[in-house]
Every structure is written in structure tokens, then in C-alpha cells.
């Protein structure tokens, strides 16, 4: 008759399940307590899909820096063929 003994991989398995359960609980709590009543919806307007509604406003999205319109005309390197 075999006895119930712990194998070498049992503790990491239990630890992994405990960590996954804890992280899932934190994620669920974060979503529930986010305070956003309107999840938003996607609508197609003039061939472009846009998010309408939701809790994200234009102020929440970072603005990318403007790309210079004129190319940099400085020569590469020190002018003597070395870079």
C-alpha cells in the first residue's frame, strides 16, 4: 500500500497556485474598484475604428514628440571619412 508522501515538486506547485490566486484576487479588486461606470465601446466612423466613451480622456494619453520636418543636413563623422 502506498502512503501519501510529498514529492519534490509539490511545494513549488502549491506556491505557484497560491501566487496565481493572490494575483488574480488583486486584479479583480483593481477592476472592481476602478470607479469606471462606462466601459466604452468601439464604433467605426469614416473607415476608422474609435473608442467612444470609457474612462480614458485625452489628458490621460501621452503626446508623442513632434518629428522635425526638415532633415538634418550635418555631415556624418568628423568630415575626414571617419565616423
PDB file of N, CA and C in Angstrom:
ATOM      1  N   UNK A   1       0.853  -1.171   0.000  1.00  0.00           N
ATOM      2  CA  UNK A   1       0.000   0.000   0.000  1.00  0.00           C
ATOM      3  C   UNK A   1       0.899   1.234   0.000  1.00  0.00           C
ATOM      4  N   UNK A   2       0.623   2.160  -0.874  1.00  0.00           N
ATOM      5  CA  UNK A   2       1.446   3.365  -0.955  1.00  0.00           C
ATOM      6  C   UNK A   2       0.931   4.407   0.015  1.00  0.00           C
ATOM      7  N   UNK A   3       1.865   5.085   0.656  1.00  0.00           N
ATOM      8  CA  UNK A   3       1.484   6.151   1.582  1.00  0.00           C
ATOM      9  C   UNK A   3       1.440   7.490   0.858  1.00  0.00           C
ATOM     10  N   UNK A   4       0.780   8.443   1.418  1.00  0.00           N
ATOM     11  CA  UNK A   4       0.718   9.777   0.843  1.00  0.00           C
ATOM     12  C   UNK A   4       1.946  10.545   1.295  1.00  0.00           C
ATOM     13  N   UNK A   5       2.894  10.690   0.403  1.00  0.00           N
ATOM     14  CA  UNK A   5       4.110  11.441   0.707  1.00  0.00           C
ATOM     15  C   UNK A   5       4.234  12.586  -0.262  1.00  0.00           C
ATOM     16  N   UNK A   6       4.871  13.657   0.195  1.00  0.00           N
ATOM     17  CA  UNK A   6       5.061  14.833  -0.654  1.00  0.00           C
ATOM     18  C   UNK A   6       6.212  14.577  -1.625  1.00  0.00           C
ATOM     19  N   UNK A   7       5.994  14.842  -2.852  1.00  0.00           N
ATOM     20  CA  UNK A   7       7.034  14.700  -3.866  1.00  0.00           C
ATOM     21  C   UNK A   7       7.871  15.968  -3.889  1.00  0.00           C
ATOM     22  N   UNK A   8       8.967  15.954  -4.600  1.00  0.00           N
ATOM     23  CA  UNK A   8       9.886  17.096  -4.644  1.00  0.00           C
ATOM     24  C   UNK A   8       9.255  18.314  -5.310  1.00  0.00           C
ATOM     25  N   UNK A   9       8.331  18.133  -6.243  1.00  0.00           N
ATOM     26  CA  UNK A   9       7.743  19.258  -6.966  1.00  0.00           C
ATOM     27  C   UNK A   9       6.449  19.772  -6.384  1.00  0.00           C
ATOM     28  N   UNK A  10       6.025  19.259  -5.256  1.00  0.00           N
ATOM     29  CA  UNK A  10       4.738  19.656  -4.692  1.00  0.00           C
ATOM     30  C   UNK A  10       4.765  21.073  -4.135  1.00  0.00           C
ATOM     31  N   UNK A  11       5.813  21.426  -3.408  1.00  0.00           N
ATOM     32  CA  UNK A  11       5.881  22.760  -2.802  1.00  0.00           C
ATOM     33  C   UNK A  11       5.909  23.877  -3.859  1.00  0.00           C
ATOM     34  N   UNK A  12       6.736  23.773  -4.913  1.00  0.00           N
ATOM     35  CA  UNK A  12       6.669  24.821  -5.946  1.00  0.00           C
ATOM     36  C   UNK A  12       5.304  24.901  -6.631  1.00  0.00           C
ATOM     37  N   UNK A  13       4.648  23.770  -6.787  1.00  0.00           N
ATOM     38  CA  UNK A  13       3.319  23.760  -7.412  1.00  0.00           C
ATOM     39  C   UNK A  13       2.307  24.480  -6.529  1.00  0.00           C
ATOM     40  N   UNK A  14       2.318  24.189  -5.248  1.00  0.00           N
ATOM     41  CA  UNK A  14       1.395  24.852  -4.313  1.00  0.00           C
ATOM     42  C   UNK A  14       1.705  26.343  -4.230  1.00  0.00           C
ATOM     43  N   UNK A  15       2.987  26.689  -4.195  1.00  0.00           N
ATOM     44  CA  UNK A  15       3.385  28.105  -4.156  1.00  0.00           C
ATOM     45  C   UNK A  15       2.923  28.835  -5.416  1.00  0.00           C
ATOM     46  N   UNK A  16       3.042  28.185  -6.566  1.00  0.00           N
ATOM     47  CA  UNK A  16       2.584  28.786  -7.823  1.00  0.00           C
ATOM     48  C   UNK A  16       1.086  29.023  -7.836  1.00  0.00           C
ATOM     49  N   UNK A  17       0.330  28.039  -7.365  1.00  0.00           N
ATOM     50  CA  UNK A  17      -1.126  28.210  -7.288  1.00  0.00           C
ATOM     51  C   UNK A  17      -1.511  29.329  -6.318  1.00  0.00           C
ATOM     52  N   UNK A  18      -0.812  29.406  -5.188  1.00  0.00           N
ATOM     53  CA  UNK A  18      -1.106  30.464  -4.213  1.00  0.00           C
ATOM     54  C   UNK A  18      -0.799  31.836  -4.789  1.00  0.00           C
ATOM     55  N   UNK A  19       0.326  31.957  -5.495  1.00  0.00           N
ATOM     56  CA  UNK A  19       0.685  33.242  -6.106  1.00  0.00           C
ATOM     57  C   UNK A  19      -0.319  33.622  -7.189  1.00  0.00           C
ATOM     58  N   UNK A  20      -0.720  32.668  -8.016  1.00  0.00           N
ATOM     59  CA  UNK A  20      -1.697  32.953  -9.078  1.00  0.00           C
ATOM     60  C   UNK A  20      -3.039  33.367  -8.486  1.00  0.00           C
ATOM     61  N   UNK A  21      -3.448  32.707  -7.408  1.00  0.00           N
ATOM     62  CA  UNK A  21      -4.707  33.067  -6.761  1.00  0.00           C
ATOM     63  C   UNK A  21      -4.642  34.471  -6.171  1.00  0.00           C
ATOM     64  N   UNK A  22      -3.526  34.790  -5.527  1.00  0.00           N
ATOM     65  CA  UNK A  22      -3.373  36.121  -4.937  1.00  0.00           C
ATOM     66  C   UNK A  22      -3.361  37.203  -6.009  1.00  0.00           C
ATOM     67  N   UNK A  23      -2.628  36.992  -7.093  1.00  0.00           N
ATOM     68  CA  UNK A  23      -2.573  37.991  -8.174  1.00  0.00           C
ATOM     69  C   UNK A  23      -3.930  38.140  -8.860  1.00  0.00           C
ATOM     70  N   UNK A  24      -4.651  37.056  -9.017  1.00  0.00           N
ATOM     71  CA  UNK A  24      -5.993  37.142  -9.608  1.00  0.00           C
ATOM     72  C   UNK A  24      -6.925  37.938  -8.712  1.00  0.00           C
ATOM     73  N   UNK A  25      -6.817  37.726  -7.408  1.00  0.00           N
ATOM     74  CA  UNK A  25      -7.637  38.486  -6.466  1.00  0.00           C
ATOM     75  C   UNK A  25      -7.326  39.968  -6.503  1.00  0.00           C
ATOM     76  N   UNK A  26      -6.037  40.315  -6.585  1.00  0.00           N
ATOM     77  CA  UNK A  26      -5.646  41.728  -6.669  1.00  0.00           C
ATOM     78  C   UNK A  26      -6.150  42.346  -7.968  1.00  0.00           C
ATOM     79  N   UNK A  27      -6.056  41.614  -9.070  1.00  0.00           N
ATOM     80  CA  UNK A  27      -6.542  42.131 -10.354  1.00  0.00           C
ATOM     81  C   UNK A  27      -8.051  42.350 -10.323  1.00  0.00           C
ATOM     82  N   UNK A  28      -8.763  41.411  -9.761  1.00  0.00           N
ATOM     83  CA  UNK A  28     -10.220  41.551  -9.658  1.00  0.00           C
ATOM     84  C   UNK A  28     -10.600  42.744  -8.786  1.00  0.00           C
ATOM     85  N   UNK A  29      -9.924  42.899  -7.658  1.00  0.00           N
ATOM     86  CA  UNK A  29     -10.179  44.040  -6.781  1.00  0.00           C
ATOM     87  C   UNK A  29      -9.889  45.361  -7.500  1.00  0.00           C
ATOM     88  N   UNK A  30      -8.814  45.412  -8.277  1.00  0.00           N
ATOM     89  CA  UNK A  30      -8.456  46.626  -9.010  1.00  0.00           C
ATOM     90  C   UNK A  30      -9.523  46.984 -10.027  1.00  0.00           C
ATOM     91  N   UNK A  31     -10.024  46.007 -10.745  1.00  0.00           N
ATOM     92  CA  UNK A  31     -11.044  46.266 -11.755  1.00  0.00           C
ATOM     93  C   UNK A  31     -12.343  46.727 -11.101  1.00  0.00           C
ATOM     94  N   UNK A  32     -12.725  46.071 -10.013  1.00  0.00           N
ATOM     95  CA  UNK A  32     -13.975  46.428  -9.341  1.00  0.00           C
ATOM     96  C   UNK A  32     -13.901  47.826  -8.735  1.00  0.00           C
ATOM     97  N   UNK A  33     -12.755  48.197  -8.190  1.00  0.00           N
ATOM     98  CA  UNK A  33     -12.635  49.484  -7.509  1.00  0.00           C
ATOM     99  C   UNK A  33     -12.114  50.597  -8.409  1.00  0.00           C
ATOM    100  N   UNK A  34     -12.092  50.393  -9.715  1.00  0.00           N
ATOM    101  CA  UNK A  34     -11.556  51.413 -10.612  1.00  0.00           C
ATOM    102  C   UNK A  34     -12.456  52.642 -10.713  1.00  0.00           C
ATOM    103  N   UNK A  35     -13.741  52.487 -10.450  1.00  0.00           N
ATOM    104  CA  UNK A  35     -14.645  53.629 -10.468  1.00  0.00           C
ATOM    105  C   UNK A  35     -15.111  54.036 -11.850  1.00  0.00           C
ATOM    106  N   UNK A  36     -14.954  53.185 -12.809  1.00  0.00           N
ATOM    107  CA  UNK A  36     -15.372  53.499 -14.173  1.00  0.00           C
ATOM    108  C   UNK A  36     -16.719  52.834 -14.439  1.00  0.00           C
ATOM    109  N   UNK A  37     -17.754  53.653 -14.585  1.00  0.00           N
ATOM    110  CA  UNK A  37     -19.090  53.105 -14.833  1.00  0.00           C
ATOM    111  C   UNK A  37     -19.344  52.830 -16.312  1.00  0.00           C
ATOM    112  N   UNK A  38     -18.630  53.541 -17.193  1.00  0.00           N
ATOM    113  CA  UNK A  38     -18.828  53.392 -18.631  1.00  0.00           C
ATOM    114  C   UNK A  38     -17.599  52.699 -19.229  1.00  0.00           C
ATOM    115  N   UNK A  39     -17.711  51.429 -19.602  1.00  0.00           N
ATOM    116  CA  UNK A  39     -16.547  50.739 -20.147  1.00  0.00           C
ATOM    117  C   UNK A  39     -16.168  51.218 -21.542  1.00  0.00           C
ATOM    118  N   UNK A  40     -17.046  51.925 -22.217  1.00  0.00           N
ATOM    119  CA  UNK A  40     -16.772  52.399 -23.574  1.00  0.00           C
ATOM    120  C   UNK A  40     -17.177  51.361 -24.605  1.00  0.00           C
ATOM    121  N   UNK A  41     -17.140  51.781 -25.858  1.00  0.00           N
ATOM    122  CA  UNK A  41     -17.477  50.881 -26.956  1.00  0.00           C
ATOM    123  C   UNK A  41     -16.715  51.346 -28.190  1.00  0.00           C
ATOM    124  N   UNK A  42     -16.530  50.438 -29.123  1.00  0.00           N
ATOM    125  CA  UNK A  42     -15.834  50.759 -30.361  1.00  0.00           C
ATOM    126  C   UNK A  42     -16.854  51.021 -31.453  1.00  0.00           C
ATOM    127  N   UNK A  43     -16.663  52.125 -32.193  1.00  0.00           N
ATOM    128  CA  UNK A  43     -17.529  52.466 -33.309  1.00  0.00           C
ATOM    129  C   UNK A  43     -16.663  52.776 -34.521  1.00  0.00           C
ATOM    130  N   UNK A  44     -17.195  52.438 -35.695  1.00  0.00           N
ATOM    131  CA  UNK A  44     -16.483  52.739 -36.928  1.00  0.00           C
ATOM    132  C   UNK A  44     -17.032  54.034 -37.504  1.00  0.00           C
ATOM    133  N   UNK A  45     -16.140  54.989 -37.723  1.00  0.00           N
ATOM    134  CA  UNK A  45     -16.509  56.279 -38.303  1.00  0.00           C
ATOM    135  C   UNK A  45     -15.569  56.575 -39.462  1.00  0.00           C
ATOM    136  N   UNK A  46     -16.104  56.704 -40.625  1.00  0.00           N
ATOM    137  CA  UNK A  46     -15.351  57.036 -41.836  1.00  0.00           C
ATOM    138  C   UNK A  46     -14.172  56.091 -42.042  1.00  0.00           C
ATOM    139  N   UNK A  47     -14.393  54.807 -41.807  1.00  0.00           N
ATOM    140  CA  UNK A  47     -13.358  53.810 -42.031  1.00  0.00           C
ATOM    141  C   UNK A  47     -12.341  53.679 -40.911  1.00  0.00           C
ATOM    142  N   UNK A  48     -12.522  54.401 -39.819  1.00  0.00           N
ATOM    143  CA  UNK A  48     -11.596  54.350 -38.688  1.00  0.00           C
ATOM    144  C   UNK A  48     -12.364  53.873 -37.468  1.00  0.00           C
ATOM    145  N   UNK A  49     -11.795  52.937 -36.730  1.00  0.00           N
ATOM    146  CA  UNK A  49     -12.428  52.429 -35.519  1.00  0.00           C
ATOM    147  C   UNK A  49     -11.976  53.303 -34.349  1.00  0.00           C
ATOM    148  N   UNK A  50     -12.948  53.835 -33.600  1.00  0.00           N
ATOM    149  CA  UNK A  50     -12.658  54.719 -32.472  1.00  0.00           C
ATOM    150  C   UNK A  50     -13.281  54.169 -31.206  1.00  0.00           C
ATOM    151  N   UNK A  51     -12.625  54.435 -30.072  1.00  0.00           N
ATOM    152  CA  UNK A  51     -13.193  54.107 -28.772  1.00  0.00           C
ATOM    153  C   UNK A  51     -14.040  55.286 -28.338  1.00  0.00           C
ATOM    154  N   UNK A  52     -15.315  55.037 -28.096  1.00  0.00           N
ATOM    155  CA  UNK A  52     -16.253  56.076 -27.696  1.00  0.00           C
ATOM    156  C   UNK A  52     -16.669  55.802 -26.261  1.00  0.00           C
ATOM    157  N   UNK A  53     -16.565  56.806 -25.424  1.00  0.00           N
ATOM    158  CA  UNK A  53     -16.906  56.643 -24.016  1.00  0.00           C
ATOM    159  C   UNK A  53     -15.731  56.074 -23.245  1.00  0.00           C
ATOM    160  N   UNK A  54     -16.013  55.507 -22.112  1.00  0.00           N
ATOM    161  CA  UNK A  54     -14.967  54.924 -21.298  1.00  0.00           C
ATOM    162  C   UNK A  54     -14.377  55.930 -20.332  1.00  0.00           C
ATOM    163  N   UNK A  55     -13.388  55.506 -19.610  1.00  0.00           N
ATOM    164  CA  UNK A  55     -12.789  56.337 -18.572  1.00  0.00           C
ATOM    165  C   UNK A  55     -11.481  56.977 -18.998  1.00  0.00           C
ATOM    166  N   UNK A  56     -11.056  56.776 -20.223  1.00  0.00           N
ATOM    167  CA  UNK A  56      -9.813  57.366 -20.699  1.00  0.00           C
ATOM    168  C   UNK A  56     -10.140  58.662 -21.415  1.00  0.00           C
ATOM    169  N   UNK A  57      -9.482  59.743 -20.994  1.00  0.00           N
ATOM    170  CA  UNK A  57      -9.683  61.023 -21.664  1.00  0.00           C
ATOM    171  C   UNK A  57      -8.412  61.389 -22.424  1.00  0.00           C
ATOM    172  N   UNK A  58      -8.478  62.436 -23.203  1.00  0.00           N
ATOM    173  CA  UNK A  58      -7.327  62.869 -23.990  1.00  0.00           C
ATOM    174  C   UNK A  58      -6.157  63.271 -23.098  1.00  0.00           C
ATOM    175  N   UNK A  59      -6.434  63.737 -21.897  1.00  0.00           N
ATOM    176  CA  UNK A  59      -5.368  64.145 -20.988  1.00  0.00           C
ATOM    177  C   UNK A  59      -4.610  62.941 -20.424  1.00  0.00           C
ATOM    178  N   UNK A  60      -5.205  61.756 -20.473  1.00  0.00           N
ATOM    179  CA  UNK A  60      -4.568  60.555 -19.954  1.00  0.00           C
ATOM    180  C   UNK A  60      -3.557  59.954 -20.918  1.00  0.00           C
ATOM    181  N   UNK A  61      -3.630  60.322 -22.184  1.00  0.00           N
ATOM    182  CA  UNK A  61      -2.777  59.741 -23.212  1.00  0.00           C
ATOM    183  C   UNK A  61      -1.571  60.655 -23.435  1.00  0.00           C
ATOM    184  N   UNK A  62      -0.347  60.126 -23.332  1.00  0.00           N
ATOM    185  CA  UNK A  62       0.827  60.968 -23.572  1.00  0.00           C
ATOM    186  C   UNK A  62       0.928  61.364 -25.034  1.00  0.00           C
ATOM    187  N   UNK A  63       1.436  62.543 -25.269  1.00  0.00           N
ATOM    188  CA  UNK A  63       1.592  63.059 -26.627  1.00  0.00           C
ATOM    189  C   UNK A  63       2.998  62.748 -27.101  1.00  0.00           C
ATOM    190  N   UNK A  64       3.112  62.205 -28.295  1.00  0.00           N
ATOM    191  CA  UNK A  64       4.423  61.904 -28.864  1.00  0.00           C
ATOM    192  C   UNK A  64       5.110  63.205 -29.270  1.00  0.00           C
ATOM    193  N   UNK A  65       6.421  63.277 -29.132  1.00  0.00           N
ATOM    194  CA  UNK A  65       7.115  64.488 -29.556  1.00  0.00           C
ATOM    195  C   UNK A  65       7.011  64.669 -31.061  1.00  0.00           C
ATOM    196  N   UNK A  66       7.005  65.923 -31.481  1.00  0.00           N
ATOM    197  CA  UNK A  66       6.890  66.198 -32.908  1.00  0.00           C
ATOM    198  C   UNK A  66       8.187  65.830 -33.618  1.00  0.00           C
ATOM    199  N   UNK A  67       8.032  65.249 -34.798  1.00  0.00           N
ATOM    200  CA  UNK A  67       9.180  64.876 -35.607  1.00  0.00           C
ATOM    201  C   UNK A  67       9.572  66.093 -36.443  1.00  0.00           C
ATOM    202  N   UNK A  68      10.865  66.443 -36.473  1.00  0.00           N
ATOM    203  CA  UNK A  68      11.258  67.598 -37.290  1.00  0.00           C
ATOM    204  C   UNK A  68      10.924  67.351 -38.758  1.00  0.00           C
ATOM    205  N   UNK A  69      10.431  68.395 -39.417  1.00  0.00           N
ATOM    206  CA  UNK A  69      10.034  68.255 -40.821  1.00  0.00           C
ATOM    207  C   UNK A  69      11.225  68.377 -41.762  1.00  0.00           C
ATOM    208  N   UNK A  70      12.277  69.084 -41.354  1.00  0.00           N
ATOM    209  CA  UNK A  70      13.455  69.233 -42.203  1.00  0.00           C
ATOM    210  C   UNK A  70      14.502  68.203 -41.800  1.00  0.00           C
ATOM    211  N   UNK A  71      15.127  67.557 -42.783  1.00  0.00           N
ATOM    212  CA  UNK A  71      16.151  66.567 -42.430  1.00  0.00           C
ATOM    213  C   UNK A  71      17.404  67.256 -41.883  1.00  0.00           C
ATOM    214  N   UNK A  72      18.139  66.526 -41.080  1.00  0.00           N
ATOM    215  CA  UNK A  72      19.382  67.032 -40.523  1.00  0.00           C
ATOM    216  C   UNK A  72      20.434  66.992 -41.623  1.00  0.00           C
ATOM    217  N   UNK A  73      20.995  68.131 -41.985  1.00  0.00           N
ATOM    218  CA  UNK A  73      21.930  68.210 -43.113  1.00  0.00           C
ATOM    219  C   UNK A  73      23.384  68.217 -42.671  1.00  0.00           C
ATOM    220  N   UNK A  74      23.650  67.968 -41.390  1.00  0.00           N
ATOM    221  CA  UNK A  74      25.041  67.931 -40.938  1.00  0.00           C
ATOM    222  C   UNK A  74      25.720  66.690 -41.488  1.00  0.00           C
ATOM    223  N   UNK A  75      27.007  66.794 -41.852  1.00  0.00           N
ATOM    224  CA  UNK A  75      27.723  65.615 -42.354  1.00  0.00           C
ATOM    225  C   UNK A  75      27.960  64.616 -41.216  1.00  0.00           C
ATOM    226  N   UNK A  76      28.012  63.361 -41.583  1.00  0.00           N
ATOM    227  CA  UNK A  76      28.275  62.328 -40.595  1.00  0.00           C
ATOM    228  C   UNK A  76      29.775  62.298 -40.286  1.00  0.00           C
ATOM    229  N   UNK A  77      30.114  61.968 -39.070  1.00  0.00           N
ATOM    230  CA  UNK A  77      31.509  61.832 -38.680  1.00  0.00           C
ATOM    231  C   UNK A  77      32.187  63.172 -38.501  1.00  0.00           C
ATOM    232  N   UNK A  78      33.506  63.167 -38.630  1.00  0.00           N
ATOM    233  CA  UNK A  78      34.276  64.393 -38.404  1.00  0.00           C
ATOM    234  C   UNK A  78      34.658  65.086 -39.705  1.00  0.00           C
ATOM    235  N   UNK A  79      34.142  64.635 -40.830  1.00  0.00           N
ATOM    236  CA  UNK A  79      34.429  65.262 -42.096  1.00  0.00           C
ATOM    237  C   UNK A  79      35.666  64.707 -42.780  1.00  0.00           C
ATOM    238  N   UNK A  80      36.355  63.766 -42.159  1.00  0.00           N
ATOM    239  CA  UNK A  80      37.557  63.183 -42.728  1.00  0.00           C
ATOM    240  C   UNK A  80      37.353  61.724 -43.096  1.00  0.00           C
ATOM    241  N   UNK A  81      36.116  61.303 -43.271  1.00  0.00           N
ATOM    242  CA  UNK A  81      35.830  59.938 -43.655  1.00  0.00           C
ATOM    243  C   UNK A  81      35.757  58.978 -42.486  1.00  0.00           C
ATOM    244  N   UNK A  82      35.974  59.473 -41.268  1.00  0.00           N
ATOM    245  CA  UNK A  82      35.886  58.607 -40.092  1.00  0.00           C
ATOM    246  C   UNK A  82      34.566  58.894 -39.380  1.00  0.00           C
ATOM    247  N   UNK A  83      33.998  57.881 -38.769  1.00  0.00           N
ATOM    248  CA  UNK A  83      32.725  58.035 -38.070  1.00  0.00           C
ATOM    249  C   UNK A  83      32.896  57.926 -36.589  1.00  0.00           C
TER     250      UNK A  83
END
